[in-house]
PDB file of N, CA and C in Angstrom:
ATOM      1  N   UNK A   1       0.665  -1.373   0.257  1.00  0.00           N
ATOM      2  CA  UNK A   1      -0.113  -0.208  -0.030  1.00  0.00           C
ATOM      3  C   UNK A   1       0.914   1.194  -0.041  1.00  0.00           C
ATOM      4  N   UNK A   2       0.227   2.127  -0.186  1.00  0.00           N
ATOM      5  CA  UNK A   2       1.068   3.460  -0.055  1.00  0.00           C
ATOM      6  C   UNK A   2       0.289   4.389   1.101  1.00  0.00           C
ATOM      7  N   UNK A   3       1.566   5.031   1.542  1.00  0.00           N
ATOM      8  CA  UNK A   3       1.013   6.456   2.810  1.00  0.00           C
ATOM      9  C   UNK A   3       1.933   7.032   2.565  1.00  0.00           C
ATOM     10  N   UNK A   4       1.187   8.275   3.377  1.00  0.00           N
ATOM     11  CA  UNK A   4       2.194   9.666   3.598  1.00  0.00           C
ATOM     12  C   UNK A   4       3.130   9.712   5.247  1.00  0.00           C
ATOM     13  N   UNK A   5       3.872  10.487   5.371  1.00  0.00           N
ATOM     14  CA  UNK A   5       4.571   9.822   6.399  1.00  0.00           C
ATOM     15  C   UNK A   5       3.700  10.316   7.918  1.00  0.00           C
ATOM     16  N   UNK A   6       3.578   9.561   9.345  1.00  0.00           N
ATOM     17  CA  UNK A   6       2.561   9.930  10.270  1.00  0.00           C
ATOM     18  C   UNK A   6       3.673  11.268  11.316  1.00  0.00           C
ATOM     19  N   UNK A   7       2.715  12.277  11.924  1.00  0.00           N
ATOM     20  CA  UNK A   7       3.785  12.762  12.243  1.00  0.00           C
ATOM     21  C   UNK A   7       4.693  12.136  13.414  1.00  0.00           C
ATOM     22  N   UNK A   8       5.546  13.219  13.737  1.00  0.00           N
ATOM     23  CA  UNK A   8       6.455  12.560  14.305  1.00  0.00           C
ATOM     24  C   UNK A   8       5.998  12.850  16.137  1.00  0.00           C
ATOM     25  N   UNK A   9       5.055  11.727  16.921  1.00  0.00           N
ATOM     26  CA  UNK A   9       4.482  11.926  17.899  1.00  0.00           C
ATOM     27  C   UNK A   9       3.921  10.213  17.534  1.00  0.00           C
ATOM     28  N   UNK A  10       3.854   9.706  19.043  1.00  0.00           N
ATOM     29  CA  UNK A  10       3.317   8.206  19.407  1.00  0.00           C
ATOM     30  C   UNK A  10       1.718   8.566  19.155  1.00  0.00           C
ATOM     31  N   UNK A  11       1.335   7.588  18.430  1.00  0.00           N
ATOM     32  CA  UNK A  11       0.086   7.406  18.438  1.00  0.00           C
ATOM     33  C   UNK A  11      -0.488   7.920  16.931  1.00  0.00           C
ATOM     34  N   UNK A  12       0.408   8.948  16.480  1.00  0.00           N
ATOM     35  CA  UNK A  12       0.215   9.738  15.253  1.00  0.00           C
ATOM     36  C   UNK A  12       0.107   8.165  13.781  1.00  0.00           C
ATOM     37  N   UNK A  13      -1.018   8.534  12.812  1.00  0.00           N
ATOM     38  CA  UNK A  13      -0.987   7.438  11.671  1.00  0.00           C
ATOM     39  C   UNK A  13      -1.221   8.116  10.624  1.00  0.00           C
ATOM     40  N   UNK A  14      -0.997   7.091   9.305  1.00  0.00           N
ATOM     41  CA  UNK A  14      -1.664   7.777   8.391  1.00  0.00           C
ATOM     42  C   UNK A  14      -1.959   6.384   7.565  1.00  0.00           C
ATOM     43  N   UNK A  15      -3.345   6.407   7.132  1.00  0.00           N
ATOM     44  CA  UNK A  15      -3.995   5.832   6.058  1.00  0.00           C
ATOM     45  C   UNK A  15      -3.012   5.280   5.143  1.00  0.00           C
ATOM     46  N   UNK A  16      -3.017   3.564   5.117  1.00  0.00           N
ATOM     47  CA  UNK A  16      -2.469   2.961   3.890  1.00  0.00           C
ATOM     48  C   UNK A  16      -3.390   2.884   3.214  1.00  0.00           C
ATOM     49  N   UNK A  17      -3.281   3.319   1.740  1.00  0.00           N
ATOM     50  CA  UNK A  17      -4.169   3.046   0.585  1.00  0.00           C
ATOM     51  C   UNK A  17      -3.922   1.998  -0.531  1.00  0.00           C
ATOM     52  N   UNK A  18      -4.814   1.037  -0.937  1.00  0.00           N
ATOM     53  CA  UNK A  18      -4.498   0.223  -1.961  1.00  0.00           C
ATOM     54  C   UNK A  18      -4.025   0.931  -3.341  1.00  0.00           C
ATOM     55  N   UNK A  19      -2.856   1.044  -3.911  1.00  0.00           N
ATOM     56  CA  UNK A  19      -2.933   1.950  -5.054  1.00  0.00           C
ATOM     57  C   UNK A  19      -3.511   1.865  -6.275  1.00  0.00           C
ATOM     58  N   UNK A  20      -4.586   0.682  -6.092  1.00  0.00           N
ATOM     59  CA  UNK A  20      -5.406   0.257  -7.465  1.00  0.00           C
ATOM     60  C   UNK A  20      -6.972   0.962  -7.398  1.00  0.00           C
ATOM     61  N   UNK A  21      -7.623   1.152  -5.884  1.00  0.00           N
ATOM     62  CA  UNK A  21      -8.542   1.721  -5.834  1.00  0.00           C
ATOM     63  C   UNK A  21      -8.970   2.972  -4.502  1.00  0.00           C
ATOM     64  N   UNK A  22      -7.797   3.094  -4.216  1.00  0.00           N
ATOM     65  CA  UNK A  22      -7.392   4.030  -3.011  1.00  0.00           C
ATOM     66  C   UNK A  22      -8.380   3.318  -1.261  1.00  0.00           C
ATOM     67  N   UNK A  23      -8.690   2.456  -1.701  1.00  0.00           N
ATOM     68  CA  UNK A  23      -9.518   1.750  -0.412  1.00  0.00           C
ATOM     69  C   UNK A  23      -8.366   1.473   0.385  1.00  0.00           C
ATOM     70  N   UNK A  24      -8.540   1.806   1.898  1.00  0.00           N
ATOM     71  CA  UNK A  24      -8.069   2.057   3.198  1.00  0.00           C
ATOM     72  C   UNK A  24      -7.571   0.572   3.279  1.00  0.00           C
ATOM     73  N   UNK A  25      -6.427   0.200   3.183  1.00  0.00           N
ATOM     74  CA  UNK A  25      -6.414  -1.230   4.102  1.00  0.00           C
ATOM     75  C   UNK A  25      -5.772  -1.399   5.248  1.00  0.00           C
ATOM     76  N   UNK A  26      -4.588  -0.594   5.576  1.00  0.00           N
ATOM     77  CA  UNK A  26      -4.190  -0.155   6.957  1.00  0.00           C
ATOM     78  C   UNK A  26      -3.663   0.738   6.685  1.00  0.00           C
ATOM     79  N   UNK A  27      -3.022   0.834   7.952  1.00  0.00           N
ATOM     80  CA  UNK A  27      -2.226   2.178   8.359  1.00  0.00           C
ATOM     81  C   UNK A  27      -0.668   1.898   8.981  1.00  0.00           C
ATOM     82  N   UNK A  28      -0.252   3.478   8.755  1.00  0.00           N
ATOM     83  CA  UNK A  28       1.415   3.401   9.324  1.00  0.00           C
ATOM     84  C   UNK A  28       1.212   4.032  10.033  1.00  0.00           C
ATOM     85  N   UNK A  29       1.317   3.406  11.575  1.00  0.00           N
ATOM     86  CA  UNK A  29       1.540   4.124  13.173  1.00  0.00           C
ATOM     87  C   UNK A  29       2.864   4.033  13.680  1.00  0.00           C
ATOM     88  N   UNK A  30       2.845   5.271  14.196  1.00  0.00           N
ATOM     89  CA  UNK A  30       4.039   5.398  14.870  1.00  0.00           C
ATOM     90  C   UNK A  30       4.148   5.293  16.406  1.00  0.00           C
ATOM     91  N   UNK A  31       5.009   4.397  16.917  1.00  0.00           N
ATOM     92  CA  UNK A  31       4.495   4.064  18.258  1.00  0.00           C
ATOM     93  C   UNK A  31       5.503   4.831  19.235  1.00  0.00           C
ATOM     94  N   UNK A  32       6.525   5.007  18.897  1.00  0.00           N
ATOM     95  CA  UNK A  32       7.303   5.904  19.674  1.00  0.00           C
ATOM     96  C   UNK A  32       7.687   7.201  18.608  1.00  0.00           C
ATOM     97  N   UNK A  33       7.859   8.009  19.191  1.00  0.00           N
ATOM     98  CA  UNK A  33       8.806   9.518  18.755  1.00  0.00           C
ATOM     99  C   UNK A  33      10.228   9.226  18.058  1.00  0.00           C
ATOM    100  N   UNK A  34      10.450   9.576  17.100  1.00  0.00           N
ATOM    101  CA  UNK A  34      11.753   9.365  16.534  1.00  0.00           C
ATOM    102  C   UNK A  34      12.185   7.814  15.843  1.00  0.00           C
ATOM    103  N   UNK A  35      10.908   7.096  15.620  1.00  0.00           N
ATOM    104  CA  UNK A  35      11.419   5.801  15.051  1.00  0.00           C
ATOM    105  C   UNK A  35      10.701   5.850  13.984  1.00  0.00           C
ATOM    106  N   UNK A  36      10.979   5.105  12.966  1.00  0.00           N
ATOM    107  CA  UNK A  36       9.946   4.713  11.661  1.00  0.00           C
ATOM    108  C   UNK A  36       8.194   3.882  12.302  1.00  0.00           C
ATOM    109  N   UNK A  37       7.538   4.680  11.477  1.00  0.00           N
ATOM    110  CA  UNK A  37       6.199   3.901  11.429  1.00  0.00           C
ATOM    111  C   UNK A  37       6.413   1.959  11.533  1.00  0.00           C
ATOM    112  N   UNK A  38       5.514   1.597  11.777  1.00  0.00           N
ATOM    113  CA  UNK A  38       5.165   0.039  11.622  1.00  0.00           C
ATOM    114  C   UNK A  38       3.851   0.118  11.170  1.00  0.00           C
ATOM    115  N   UNK A  39       3.451  -1.040   9.968  1.00  0.00           N
ATOM    116  CA  UNK A  39       2.216  -1.075   9.495  1.00  0.00           C
ATOM    117  C   UNK A  39       1.257  -1.965  10.604  1.00  0.00           C
ATOM    118  N   UNK A  40      -0.032  -1.661  10.517  1.00  0.00           N
ATOM    119  CA  UNK A  40      -1.203  -2.398  10.883  1.00  0.00           C
ATOM    120  C   UNK A  40      -2.296  -2.268   9.959  1.00  0.00           C
ATOM    121  N   UNK A  41      -2.517  -3.675   9.747  1.00  0.00           N
ATOM    122  CA  UNK A  41      -3.873  -3.847   8.727  1.00  0.00           C
ATOM    123  C   UNK A  41      -4.803  -4.267   9.489  1.00  0.00           C
ATOM    124  N   UNK A  42      -6.152  -4.034   8.705  1.00  0.00           N
ATOM    125  CA  UNK A  42      -7.166  -4.333   9.188  1.00  0.00           C
ATOM    126  C   UNK A  42      -7.401  -5.961   9.126  1.00  0.00           C
ATOM    127  N   UNK A  43      -8.134  -6.519  10.313  1.00  0.00           N
ATOM    128  CA  UNK A  43      -8.025  -7.789  10.256  1.00  0.00           C
ATOM    129  C   UNK A  43      -9.856  -8.150  10.513  1.00  0.00           C
ATOM    130  N   UNK A  44     -10.184  -9.647  10.375  1.00  0.00           N
ATOM    131  CA  UNK A  44     -11.118 -10.552  10.166  1.00  0.00           C
ATOM    132  C   UNK A  44     -12.098 -10.189  11.367  1.00  0.00           C
ATOM    133  N   UNK A  45     -13.132  -8.915  10.882  1.00  0.00           N
ATOM    134  CA  UNK A  45     -13.705  -8.766  12.374  1.00  0.00           C
ATOM    135  C   UNK A  45     -13.573  -7.727  13.184  1.00  0.00           C
ATOM    136  N   UNK A  46     -12.250  -6.846  12.137  1.00  0.00           N
ATOM    137  CA  UNK A  46     -11.838  -5.946  13.441  1.00  0.00           C
ATOM    138  C   UNK A  46     -11.067  -4.555  13.178  1.00  0.00           C
ATOM    139  N   UNK A  47     -11.541  -3.952  13.303  1.00  0.00           N
ATOM    140  CA  UNK A  47     -11.848  -2.635  12.779  1.00  0.00           C
ATOM    141  C   UNK A  47     -10.125  -1.489  12.799  1.00  0.00           C
ATOM    142  N   UNK A  48     -10.152  -0.558  11.881  1.00  0.00           N
ATOM    143  CA  UNK A  48      -8.672  -0.074  12.107  1.00  0.00           C
ATOM    144  C   UNK A  48      -8.293   0.279  13.074  1.00  0.00           C
ATOM    145  N   UNK A  49      -9.377   0.892  13.438  1.00  0.00           N
ATOM    146  CA  UNK A  49      -9.387   2.013  15.355  1.00  0.00           C
ATOM    147  C   UNK A  49      -8.893   0.874  16.074  1.00  0.00           C
ATOM    148  N   UNK A  50      -9.474  -0.023  16.223  1.00  0.00           N
ATOM    149  CA  UNK A  50      -9.400  -1.326  17.074  1.00  0.00           C
ATOM    150  C   UNK A  50      -7.894  -1.942  16.977  1.00  0.00           C
ATOM    151  N   UNK A  51      -7.566  -2.002  15.702  1.00  0.00           N
ATOM    152  CA  UNK A  51      -6.175  -2.797  15.803  1.00  0.00           C
ATOM    153  C   UNK A  51      -5.005  -1.873  15.784  1.00  0.00           C
ATOM    154  N   UNK A  52      -5.270  -0.472  15.707  1.00  0.00           N
ATOM    155  CA  UNK A  52      -4.278   0.738  16.017  1.00  0.00           C
ATOM    156  C   UNK A  52      -4.363   0.410  17.599  1.00  0.00           C
ATOM    157  N   UNK A  53      -5.762   1.101  18.495  1.00  0.00           N
ATOM    158  CA  UNK A  53      -5.232   1.455  19.605  1.00  0.00           C
ATOM    159  C   UNK A  53      -4.546  -0.404  20.176  1.00  0.00           C
ATOM    160  N   UNK A  54      -5.183  -1.548  19.876  1.00  0.00           N
ATOM    161  CA  UNK A  54      -4.572  -2.341  20.381  1.00  0.00           C
ATOM    162  C   UNK A  54      -3.205  -2.598  20.151  1.00  0.00           C
ATOM    163  N   UNK A  55      -2.694  -2.361  19.566  1.00  0.00           N
ATOM    164  CA  UNK A  55      -1.072  -2.130  19.095  1.00  0.00           C
ATOM    165  C   UNK A  55      -0.178  -0.909  19.762  1.00  0.00           C
ATOM    166  N   UNK A  56      -1.033  -0.311  19.997  1.00  0.00           N
ATOM    167  CA  UNK A  56      -0.711   1.023  21.052  1.00  0.00           C
ATOM    168  C   UNK A  56      -0.309   0.696  22.524  1.00  0.00           C
ATOM    169  N   UNK A  57      -1.500   0.052  22.999  1.00  0.00           N
ATOM    170  CA  UNK A  57      -1.791  -0.826  24.054  1.00  0.00           C
ATOM    171  C   UNK A  57      -0.496  -1.902  23.891  1.00  0.00           C
ATOM    172  N   UNK A  58      -0.449  -2.842  23.274  1.00  0.00           N
ATOM    173  CA  UNK A  58       0.877  -3.818  23.277  1.00  0.00           C
ATOM    174  C   UNK A  58       2.489  -3.411  23.298  1.00  0.00           C
ATOM    175  N   UNK A  59       2.963  -1.386  22.991  1.00  0.00           N
ATOM    176  CA  UNK A  59       3.694  -1.374  23.044  1.00  0.00           C
ATOM    177  C   UNK A  59       4.359  -0.737  24.150  1.00  0.00           C
ATOM    178  N   UNK A  60       5.216  -1.841  24.536  1.00  0.00           N
ATOM    179  CA  UNK A  60       5.552  -1.127  26.099  1.00  0.00           C
ATOM    180  C   UNK A  60       6.826  -0.692  26.297  1.00  0.00           C
ATOM    181  N   UNK A  61       6.886   0.621  25.514  1.00  0.00           N
ATOM    182  CA  UNK A  61       8.083   1.124  25.305  1.00  0.00           C
ATOM    183  C   UNK A  61       8.825   0.494  24.357  1.00  0.00           C
ATOM    184  N   UNK A  62       8.815   0.305  23.468  1.00  0.00           N
ATOM    185  CA  UNK A  62       9.673  -0.183  22.135  1.00  0.00           C
ATOM    186  C   UNK A  62       8.549   0.416  21.037  1.00  0.00           C
ATOM    187  N   UNK A  63       9.501   0.149  19.873  1.00  0.00           N
ATOM    188  CA  UNK A  63       8.750   0.326  18.631  1.00  0.00           C
ATOM    189  C   UNK A  63       7.724  -0.765  17.958  1.00  0.00           C
ATOM    190  N   UNK A  64       8.352  -1.850  18.475  1.00  0.00           N
ATOM    191  CA  UNK A  64       7.620  -2.998  17.910  1.00  0.00           C
ATOM    192  C   UNK A  64       6.541  -3.923  19.337  1.00  0.00           C
ATOM    193  N   UNK A  65       5.532  -4.217  18.839  1.00  0.00           N
ATOM    194  CA  UNK A  65       4.415  -4.570  19.855  1.00  0.00           C
ATOM    195  C   UNK A  65       4.918  -5.622  21.005  1.00  0.00           C
ATOM    196  N   UNK A  66       4.913  -5.710  21.941  1.00  0.00           N
ATOM    197  CA  UNK A  66       5.107  -7.098  22.674  1.00  0.00           C
ATOM    198  C   UNK A  66       5.178  -8.570  22.731  1.00  0.00           C
ATOM    199  N   UNK A  67       3.888  -9.081  21.978  1.00  0.00           N
ATOM    200  CA  UNK A  67       3.883 -10.399  21.586  1.00  0.00           C
ATOM    201  C   UNK A  67       4.751 -10.269  20.563  1.00  0.00           C
ATOM    202  N   UNK A  68       5.271  -9.636  19.461  1.00  0.00           N
ATOM    203  CA  UNK A  68       6.130  -9.871  18.575  1.00  0.00           C
ATOM    204  C   UNK A  68       7.508 -10.055  19.162  1.00  0.00           C
ATOM    205  N   UNK A  69       7.640  -8.730  19.978  1.00  0.00           N
ATOM    206  CA  UNK A  69       8.891  -8.653  21.104  1.00  0.00           C
ATOM    207  C   UNK A  69       9.113 -10.444  21.301  1.00  0.00           C
ATOM    208  N   UNK A  70       8.457 -10.876  22.210  1.00  0.00           N
ATOM    209  CA  UNK A  70       8.057 -12.013  23.026  1.00  0.00           C
ATOM    210  C   UNK A  70       8.533 -13.603  22.144  1.00  0.00           C
ATOM    211  N   UNK A  71       7.626 -13.351  20.678  1.00  0.00           N
ATOM    212  CA  UNK A  71       7.603 -14.257  20.007  1.00  0.00           C
ATOM    213  C   UNK A  71       9.276 -14.330  19.070  1.00  0.00           C
ATOM    214  N   UNK A  72       9.911 -13.020  19.167  1.00  0.00           N
ATOM    215  CA  UNK A  72      11.160 -13.087  18.125  1.00  0.00           C
ATOM    216  C   UNK A  72      12.276 -13.374  19.484  1.00  0.00           C
ATOM    217  N   UNK A  73      12.156 -12.939  20.913  1.00  0.00           N
ATOM    218  CA  UNK A  73      12.844 -13.834  21.670  1.00  0.00           C
ATOM    219  C   UNK A  73      12.900 -14.839  21.556  1.00  0.00           C
ATOM    220  N   UNK A  74      11.442 -15.459  21.415  1.00  0.00           N
ATOM    221  CA  UNK A  74      11.566 -16.885  21.853  1.00  0.00           C
ATOM    222  C   UNK A  74      12.031 -17.638  20.607  1.00  0.00           C
ATOM    223  N   UNK A  75      12.073 -17.195  19.907  1.00  0.00           N
ATOM    224  CA  UNK A  75      12.377 -18.305  18.638  1.00  0.00           C
ATOM    225  C   UNK A  75      14.081 -17.892  18.594  1.00  0.00           C
ATOM    226  N   UNK A  76      14.870 -16.635  18.999  1.00  0.00           N
ATOM    227  CA  UNK A  76      15.833 -17.422  19.292  1.00  0.00           C
ATOM    228  C   UNK A  76      16.780 -17.683  20.218  1.00  0.00           C
ATOM    229  N   UNK A  77      15.519 -19.010  20.958  1.00  0.00           N
ATOM    230  CA  UNK A  77      16.239 -19.178  22.447  1.00  0.00           C
ATOM    231  C   UNK A  77      16.024 -21.267  21.307  1.00  0.00           C
ATOM    232  N   UNK A  78      16.203 -21.275  20.555  1.00  0.00           N
ATOM    233  CA  UNK A  78      16.111 -22.567  19.996  1.00  0.00           C
ATOM    234  C   UNK A  78      16.550 -23.631  21.186  1.00  0.00           C
ATOM    235  N   UNK A  79      15.172 -24.230  21.464  1.00  0.00           N
ATOM    236  CA  UNK A  79      15.109 -25.802  21.742  1.00  0.00           C
ATOM    237  C   UNK A  79      15.098 -25.569  23.336  1.00  0.00           C
ATOM    238  N   UNK A  80      15.069 -24.284  23.949  1.00  0.00           N
ATOM    239  CA  UNK A  80      14.764 -24.045  25.616  1.00  0.00           C
ATOM    240  C   UNK A  80      13.456 -24.318  25.593  1.00  0.00           C
ATOM    241  N   UNK A  81      13.310 -24.977  26.642  1.00  0.00           N
ATOM    242  CA  UNK A  81      11.303 -24.929  27.012  1.00  0.00           C
ATOM    243  C   UNK A  81      11.145 -23.979  27.933  1.00  0.00           C
ATOM    244  N   UNK A  82      10.169 -23.097  27.519  1.00  0.00           N
ATOM    245  CA  UNK A  82       9.212 -21.412  28.365  1.00  0.00           C
ATOM    246  C   UNK A  82       9.307 -22.074  29.672  1.00  0.00           C
ATOM    247  N   UNK A  83       9.787 -21.424  30.662  1.00  0.00           N
ATOM    248  CA  UNK A  83       9.032 -21.715  31.598  1.00  0.00           C
ATOM    249  C   UNK A  83       7.937 -20.038  32.427  1.00  0.00           C
ATOM    250  N   UNK A  84       6.948 -20.641  33.496  1.00  0.00           N
ATOM    251  CA  UNK A  84       6.326 -19.900  33.847  1.00  0.00           C
ATOM    252  C   UNK A  84       6.413 -18.669  33.864  1.00  0.00           C
ATOM    253  N   UNK A  85       7.896 -18.320  33.884  1.00  0.00           N
ATOM    254  CA  UNK A  85       8.626 -16.483  34.419  1.00  0.00           C
ATOM    255  C   UNK A  85       8.538 -16.038  33.001  1.00  0.00           C
ATOM    256  N   UNK A  86       9.475 -16.734  32.042  1.00  0.00           N
ATOM    257  CA  UNK A  86       9.323 -16.375  31.134  1.00  0.00           C
ATOM    258  C   UNK A  86       8.399 -15.831  30.230  1.00  0.00           C
ATOM    259  N   UNK A  87       7.042 -15.977  30.638  1.00  0.00           N
ATOM    260  CA  UNK A  87       5.744 -15.730  29.859  1.00  0.00           C
ATOM    261  C   UNK A  87       5.163 -14.387  30.477  1.00  0.00           C
ATOM    262  N   UNK A  88       5.353 -13.469  29.815  1.00  0.00           N
ATOM    263  CA  UNK A  88       5.263 -11.886  30.319  1.00  0.00           C
ATOM    264  C   UNK A  88       3.901 -11.801  30.359  1.00  0.00           C
ATOM    265  N   UNK A  89       2.708 -11.228  31.000  1.00  0.00           N
ATOM    266  CA  UNK A  89       1.369 -10.867  30.784  1.00  0.00           C
ATOM    267  C   UNK A  89       1.240  -9.535  29.931  1.00  0.00           C
ATOM    268  N   UNK A  90       0.556  -9.551  29.186  1.00  0.00           N
ATOM    269  CA  UNK A  90       0.227  -7.837  28.119  1.00  0.00           C
ATOM    270  C   UNK A  90      -0.519  -7.261  29.050  1.00  0.00           C
ATOM    271  N   UNK A  91      -1.315  -7.731  29.780  1.00  0.00           N
ATOM    272  CA  UNK A  91      -2.691  -6.628  30.183  1.00  0.00           C
ATOM    273  C   UNK A  91      -2.442  -6.856  31.899  1.00  0.00           C
TER     274      UNK A  91
END
């Protein structure tokens, strides 16, 4: 999709549009000031506003939402069994 650059403030976003017909298909979302935006897409029975709100709630001081950060860390721990202590709560 195509989008304009969102303002440089937390929570700023710009609609991402399908270049063929201009339909809004997602958003470029700024999760931290001074960093590149991340891309949020509309999901099954999830509005863009709800998706943006959820992503912002999951960004706990980092650019990337916590569920993705946890998955990335886990993927790097090849073969290690997760413990209850290593499974952070999100809310």
